[in-house]
């Protein structure tokens, strides 16, 4: 376990979808590095864990749809996202041309 201090802990697990994407793209870059490629088993393990995290995020999204809850913050809502009432999942705007 890491101690709480102001320096970021490189060993700490990713906490948002953006962090997960970053790790996966870094893994892909490491795999493609011809001079020092990442071990295939390690890359496979990263991929499998990422898949489980994504599966849990899908469950979180479904839970949020049903309950109207804001979620855990793994998938961050855009700052300018409108606040919708419970049960409303989106807004469709129709614009007249002319």
C-alpha atoms as a PDB file:
ATOM      1  CA  UNK A   1       0.000   0.000   0.000  1.00  0.00           C
ATOM      2  CA  UNK A   2       1.155   3.490  -0.696  1.00  0.00           C
ATOM      3  CA  UNK A   3       1.250   6.255   1.875  1.00  0.00           C
ATOM      4  CA  UNK A   4      -0.884   9.332   1.390  1.00  0.00           C
ATOM      5  CA  UNK A   5       1.372  12.093   0.097  1.00  0.00           C
ATOM      6  CA  UNK A   6       1.325  14.661  -2.674  1.00  0.00           C
ATOM      7  CA  UNK A   7       3.475  12.652  -5.094  1.00  0.00           C
ATOM      8  CA  UNK A   8       1.499  10.479  -7.537  1.00  0.00           C
ATOM      9  CA  UNK A   9       1.912   6.743  -7.011  1.00  0.00           C
ATOM     10  CA  UNK A  10       2.792   5.020 -10.301  1.00  0.00           C
ATOM     11  CA  UNK A  11       1.772   1.640  -8.822  1.00  0.00           C
ATOM     12  CA  UNK A  12      -1.727   2.853  -7.878  1.00  0.00           C
ATOM     13  CA  UNK A  13      -4.477   1.357 -10.056  1.00  0.00           C
ATOM     14  CA  UNK A  14      -6.317   3.528 -12.563  1.00  0.00           C
ATOM     15  CA  UNK A  15      -9.559   4.998 -11.313  1.00  0.00           C
ATOM     16  CA  UNK A  16     -11.303   6.506 -14.372  1.00  0.00           C
ATOM     17  CA  UNK A  17     -12.052   5.396 -17.911  1.00  0.00           C
ATOM     18  CA  UNK A  18      -9.488   7.949 -19.146  1.00  0.00           C
ATOM     19  CA  UNK A  19      -6.818   6.370 -16.913  1.00  0.00           C
ATOM     20  CA  UNK A  20      -7.735   2.908 -18.201  1.00  0.00           C
ATOM     21  CA  UNK A  21      -7.495   4.048 -21.835  1.00  0.00           C
ATOM     22  CA  UNK A  22      -4.102   5.572 -21.144  1.00  0.00           C
ATOM     23  CA  UNK A  23      -2.801   2.314 -19.638  1.00  0.00           C
ATOM     24  CA  UNK A  24      -4.159   0.278 -22.551  1.00  0.00           C
ATOM     25  CA  UNK A  25      -2.618   2.568 -25.169  1.00  0.00           C
ATOM     26  CA  UNK A  26       0.703   2.507 -23.283  1.00  0.00           C
ATOM     27  CA  UNK A  27       0.508  -1.300 -23.299  1.00  0.00           C
ATOM     28  CA  UNK A  28      -0.137  -1.293 -27.030  1.00  0.00           C
ATOM     29  CA  UNK A  29       2.859   0.999 -27.589  1.00  0.00           C
ATOM     30  CA  UNK A  30       5.038  -1.265 -25.437  1.00  0.00           C
ATOM     31  CA  UNK A  31       3.947  -4.310 -27.427  1.00  0.00           C
ATOM     32  CA  UNK A  32       4.869  -2.588 -30.696  1.00  0.00           C
ATOM     33  CA  UNK A  33       8.298  -1.482 -29.444  1.00  0.00           C
ATOM     34  CA  UNK A  34      10.679  -3.622 -31.546  1.00  0.00           C
ATOM     35  CA  UNK A  35      13.742  -2.939 -29.365  1.00  0.00           C
ATOM     36  CA  UNK A  36      12.129  -3.842 -26.038  1.00  0.00           C
ATOM     37  CA  UNK A  37       8.645  -5.334 -26.479  1.00  0.00           C
ATOM     38  CA  UNK A  38       6.403  -6.045 -23.509  1.00  0.00           C
ATOM     39  CA  UNK A  39       6.028  -9.681 -22.463  1.00  0.00           C
ATOM     40  CA  UNK A  40       2.923 -11.122 -24.165  1.00  0.00           C
ATOM     41  CA  UNK A  41       1.670 -12.780 -20.954  1.00  0.00           C
ATOM     42  CA  UNK A  42       1.884  -9.460 -19.104  1.00  0.00           C
ATOM     43  CA  UNK A  43      -0.008  -7.682 -21.888  1.00  0.00           C
ATOM     44  CA  UNK A  44      -2.636 -10.433 -21.878  1.00  0.00           C
ATOM     45  CA  UNK A  45      -3.066 -10.050 -18.101  1.00  0.00           C
ATOM     46  CA  UNK A  46      -3.486  -6.268 -18.469  1.00  0.00           C
ATOM     47  CA  UNK A  47      -6.064  -6.824 -21.193  1.00  0.00           C
ATOM     48  CA  UNK A  48      -8.029  -9.341 -19.111  1.00  0.00           C
ATOM     49  CA  UNK A  49      -8.128  -7.068 -16.076  1.00  0.00           C
ATOM     50  CA  UNK A  50      -9.166  -4.119 -18.262  1.00  0.00           C
ATOM     51  CA  UNK A  51     -11.968  -6.263 -19.678  1.00  0.00           C
ATOM     52  CA  UNK A  52     -13.276  -6.947 -16.175  1.00  0.00           C
ATOM     53  CA  UNK A  53     -13.128  -3.252 -15.307  1.00  0.00           C
ATOM     54  CA  UNK A  54     -15.080  -2.439 -18.472  1.00  0.00           C
ATOM     55  CA  UNK A  55     -17.677  -5.108 -17.635  1.00  0.00           C
ATOM     56  CA  UNK A  56     -18.150  -3.559 -14.192  1.00  0.00           C
ATOM     57  CA  UNK A  57     -18.519  -0.117 -15.817  1.00  0.00           C
ATOM     58  CA  UNK A  58     -21.298  -1.499 -18.032  1.00  0.00           C
ATOM     59  CA  UNK A  59     -23.099  -2.706 -14.911  1.00  0.00           C
ATOM     60  CA  UNK A  60     -22.601   0.729 -13.348  1.00  0.00           C
ATOM     61  CA  UNK A  61     -24.117   2.433 -16.408  1.00  0.00           C
ATOM     62  CA  UNK A  62     -27.170   0.161 -16.267  1.00  0.00           C
ATOM     63  CA  UNK A  63     -27.515   0.794 -12.530  1.00  0.00           C
ATOM     64  CA  UNK A  64     -27.381   4.549 -13.126  1.00  0.00           C
ATOM     65  CA  UNK A  65     -30.065   4.297 -15.806  1.00  0.00           C
ATOM     66  CA  UNK A  66     -32.392   2.435 -13.448  1.00  0.00           C
ATOM     67  CA  UNK A  67     -31.764   4.422 -10.273  1.00  0.00           C
ATOM     68  CA  UNK A  68     -30.803   7.840 -11.609  1.00  0.00           C
ATOM     69  CA  UNK A  69     -27.668   7.651  -9.485  1.00  0.00           C
ATOM     70  CA  UNK A  70     -24.597   9.611 -10.605  1.00  0.00           C
ATOM     71  CA  UNK A  71     -22.259   6.601 -10.428  1.00  0.00           C
ATOM     72  CA  UNK A  72     -18.814   6.293  -8.933  1.00  0.00           C
ATOM     73  CA  UNK A  73     -16.970   8.725 -11.173  1.00  0.00           C
ATOM     74  CA  UNK A  74     -15.281   6.013 -13.249  1.00  0.00           C
ATOM     75  CA  UNK A  75     -17.053   7.389 -16.300  1.00  0.00           C
ATOM     76  CA  UNK A  76     -16.888  11.144 -15.920  1.00  0.00           C
ATOM     77  CA  UNK A  77     -19.817  13.206 -17.180  1.00  0.00           C
ATOM     78  CA  UNK A  78     -18.913  16.243 -19.276  1.00  0.00           C
ATOM     79  CA  UNK A  79     -18.884  19.456 -17.264  1.00  0.00           C
ATOM     80  CA  UNK A  80     -21.596  20.965 -19.465  1.00  0.00           C
ATOM     81  CA  UNK A  81     -23.815  17.862 -19.372  1.00  0.00           C
ATOM     82  CA  UNK A  82     -27.410  18.760 -18.537  1.00  0.00           C
ATOM     83  CA  UNK A  83     -28.859  17.419 -15.297  1.00  0.00           C
ATOM     84  CA  UNK A  84     -31.726  15.140 -16.270  1.00  0.00           C
ATOM     85  CA  UNK A  85     -34.619  14.127 -14.039  1.00  0.00           C
ATOM     86  CA  UNK A  86     -34.821  10.494 -12.885  1.00  0.00           C
ATOM     87  CA  UNK A  87     -35.921   8.166 -15.672  1.00  0.00           C
ATOM     88  CA  UNK A  88     -34.904  10.543 -18.487  1.00  0.00           C
ATOM     89  CA  UNK A  89     -31.876   9.115 -20.265  1.00  0.00           C
ATOM     90  CA  UNK A  90     -31.248  11.741 -22.923  1.00  0.00           C
ATOM     91  CA  UNK A  91     -32.379  14.788 -24.852  1.00  0.00           C
ATOM     92  CA  UNK A  92     -33.075  14.894 -28.575  1.00  0.00           C
ATOM     93  CA  UNK A  93     -33.202  18.365 -30.094  1.00  0.00           C
ATOM     94  CA  UNK A  94     -35.013  18.914 -33.377  1.00  0.00           C
ATOM     95  CA  UNK A  95     -34.048  21.941 -35.409  1.00  0.00           C
ATOM     96  CA  UNK A  96     -36.011  23.333 -38.318  1.00  0.00           C
ATOM     97  CA  UNK A  97     -34.002  24.224 -41.377  1.00  0.00           C
ATOM     98  CA  UNK A  98     -34.854  27.345 -43.251  1.00  0.00           C
END
